[in-house]
Amino acid sequence: MKINVLKIEERQQQLRSYFLQLTPDTDLKALDELVSAFEMDSFPKNHLILKQGEFSDNFYFISKAWSVFITLKKAKKYPTGL
């Protein structure tokens, strides 16, 4: 199975397109400045990025993953394929 890995520039262009779909009147110069600040990162299988209730200095966009969210109230698993 071949995995399509996009370069950072391609991911940034995708983000730019998404933002423009949501807010078409966005100042393009400001948008380009914002999008250029994003970096790509990857995590190994079963890596926990953030626990419920924790805070982070980072903002994550998950481009491709299989994740499971577990709520503590009902102790149910909610699989989410992205």
C-alpha atoms as a PDB file:
ATOM      1  CA  MET A   1       0.000   0.000   0.000  1.00  0.00           C
ATOM      2  CA  LYS A   2       1.461   3.327  -1.066  1.00  0.00           C
ATOM      3  CA  ILE A   3       1.006   6.261   1.317  1.00  0.00           C
ATOM      4  CA  ASN A   4       0.687   9.693  -0.258  1.00  0.00           C
ATOM      5  CA  VAL A   5       2.909  12.055   1.737  1.00  0.00           C
ATOM      6  CA  LEU A   6       2.441  15.718   0.939  1.00  0.00           C
ATOM      7  CA  LYS A   7       5.143  18.315   1.366  1.00  0.00           C
ATOM      8  CA  ILE A   8       4.703  21.124   3.877  1.00  0.00           C
ATOM      9  CA  GLU A   9       3.997  23.585   1.065  1.00  0.00           C
ATOM     10  CA  GLU A  10       1.148  21.397  -0.213  1.00  0.00           C
ATOM     11  CA  ARG A  11      -0.343  21.109   3.279  1.00  0.00           C
ATOM     12  CA  GLN A  12      -0.079  24.877   3.736  1.00  0.00           C
ATOM     13  CA  GLN A  13      -1.876  25.387   0.428  1.00  0.00           C
ATOM     14  CA  GLN A  14      -4.637  23.033   1.585  1.00  0.00           C
ATOM     15  CA  LEU A  15      -5.036  25.035   4.802  1.00  0.00           C
ATOM     16  CA  ARG A  16      -5.137  28.273   2.807  1.00  0.00           C
ATOM     17  CA  SER A  17      -7.901  26.840   0.606  1.00  0.00           C
ATOM     18  CA  TYR A  18      -9.903  25.647   3.623  1.00  0.00           C
ATOM     19  CA  PHE A  19      -9.688  29.044   5.306  1.00  0.00           C
ATOM     20  CA  LEU A  20     -10.768  30.784   2.120  1.00  0.00           C
ATOM     21  CA  GLN A  21     -13.779  28.493   1.795  1.00  0.00           C
ATOM     22  CA  LEU A  22     -14.832  29.399   5.331  1.00  0.00           C
ATOM     23  CA  THR A  23     -14.074  33.108   5.093  1.00  0.00           C
ATOM     24  CA  PRO A  24     -13.750  34.194   1.441  1.00  0.00           C
ATOM     25  CA  ASP A  25     -13.197  37.868   2.368  1.00  0.00           C
ATOM     26  CA  THR A  26     -10.023  37.093   4.334  1.00  0.00           C
ATOM     27  CA  ASP A  27      -7.058  39.406   3.830  1.00  0.00           C
ATOM     28  CA  LEU A  28      -4.760  37.256   1.662  1.00  0.00           C
ATOM     29  CA  LYS A  29      -1.536  38.710   3.001  1.00  0.00           C
ATOM     30  CA  ALA A  30      -2.593  37.996   6.598  1.00  0.00           C
ATOM     31  CA  LEU A  31      -3.765  34.514   5.612  1.00  0.00           C
ATOM     32  CA  ASP A  32      -0.446  33.720   3.925  1.00  0.00           C
ATOM     33  CA  GLU A  33       1.399  34.899   7.042  1.00  0.00           C
ATOM     34  CA  LEU A  34      -0.778  32.699   9.266  1.00  0.00           C
ATOM     35  CA  VAL A  35      -0.524  29.604   7.078  1.00  0.00           C
ATOM     36  CA  SER A  36       3.255  29.932   6.707  1.00  0.00           C
ATOM     37  CA  ALA A  37       3.565  29.639  10.504  1.00  0.00           C
ATOM     38  CA  PHE A  38       2.116  26.104  10.487  1.00  0.00           C
ATOM     39  CA  GLU A  39       4.486  23.151  10.729  1.00  0.00           C
ATOM     40  CA  MET A  40       3.924  19.470  10.033  1.00  0.00           C
ATOM     41  CA  ASP A  41       4.476  16.824  12.642  1.00  0.00           C
ATOM     42  CA  SER A  42       3.845  13.120  12.836  1.00  0.00           C
ATOM     43  CA  PHE A  43       3.377  10.756  15.731  1.00  0.00           C
ATOM     44  CA  PRO A  44       3.906   7.028  16.095  1.00  0.00           C
ATOM     45  CA  LYS A  45       1.001   4.626  16.373  1.00  0.00           C
ATOM     46  CA  ASN A  46      -0.775   4.737  19.765  1.00  0.00           C
ATOM     47  CA  HIS A  47       0.835   8.054  20.667  1.00  0.00           C
ATOM     48  CA  LEU A  48      -1.331  10.195  22.954  1.00  0.00           C
ATOM     49  CA  ILE A  49      -1.243  13.808  21.768  1.00  0.00           C
ATOM     50  CA  LEU A  50      -3.375  15.365  24.473  1.00  0.00           C
ATOM     51  CA  LYS A  51      -5.450  14.096  27.385  1.00  0.00           C
ATOM     52  CA  GLN A  52      -8.896  15.429  28.202  1.00  0.00           C
ATOM     53  CA  GLY A  53      -8.601  18.548  30.340  1.00  0.00           C
ATOM     54  CA  GLU A  54      -4.979  19.252  29.399  1.00  0.00           C
ATOM     55  CA  PHE A  55      -3.891  22.445  27.697  1.00  0.00           C
ATOM     56  CA  SER A  56      -1.456  22.801  24.826  1.00  0.00           C
ATOM     57  CA  ASP A  57       0.530  25.590  23.233  1.00  0.00           C
ATOM     58  CA  ASN A  58      -0.095  23.883  19.896  1.00  0.00           C
ATOM     59  CA  PHE A  59      -3.098  23.749  17.593  1.00  0.00           C
ATOM     60  CA  TYR A  60      -3.487  20.501  15.663  1.00  0.00           C
ATOM     61  CA  PHE A  61      -5.070  19.732  12.318  1.00  0.00           C
ATOM     62  CA  ILE A  62      -5.177  15.980  11.825  1.00  0.00           C
ATOM     63  CA  SER A  63      -4.781  15.188   8.158  1.00  0.00           C
ATOM     64  CA  LYS A  64      -5.016  11.405   8.274  1.00  0.00           C
ATOM     65  CA  ALA A  65      -5.436   9.085  11.205  1.00  0.00           C
ATOM     66  CA  TRP A  66      -7.479   6.495  12.941  1.00  0.00           C
ATOM     67  CA  SER A  67      -8.318   7.749  16.372  1.00  0.00           C
ATOM     68  CA  VAL A  68     -10.412   6.654  19.297  1.00  0.00           C
ATOM     69  CA  PHE A  69     -11.984   9.132  21.680  1.00  0.00           C
ATOM     70  CA  ILE A  70     -13.008   7.818  25.089  1.00  0.00           C
ATOM     71  CA  THR A  71     -15.308   9.871  27.276  1.00  0.00           C
ATOM     72  CA  LEU A  72     -14.877   9.501  31.017  1.00  0.00           C
ATOM     73  CA  LYS A  73     -18.561  10.046  31.817  1.00  0.00           C
ATOM     74  CA  LYS A  74     -19.927   7.013  30.025  1.00  0.00           C
ATOM     75  CA  ALA A  75     -16.683   5.102  29.404  1.00  0.00           C
ATOM     76  CA  LYS A  76     -17.684   4.531  25.778  1.00  0.00           C
ATOM     77  CA  LYS A  77     -15.303   4.394  22.863  1.00  0.00           C
ATOM     78  CA  TYR A  78     -16.031   6.439  19.765  1.00  0.00           C
ATOM     79  CA  PRO A  79     -13.825   5.297  16.865  1.00  0.00           C
ATOM     80  CA  THR A  80     -13.242   8.009  14.307  1.00  0.00           C
ATOM     81  CA  GLY A  81     -11.565   7.288  10.987  1.00  0.00           C
ATOM     82  CA  LEU A  82     -10.157  10.454   9.428  1.00  0.00           C
END
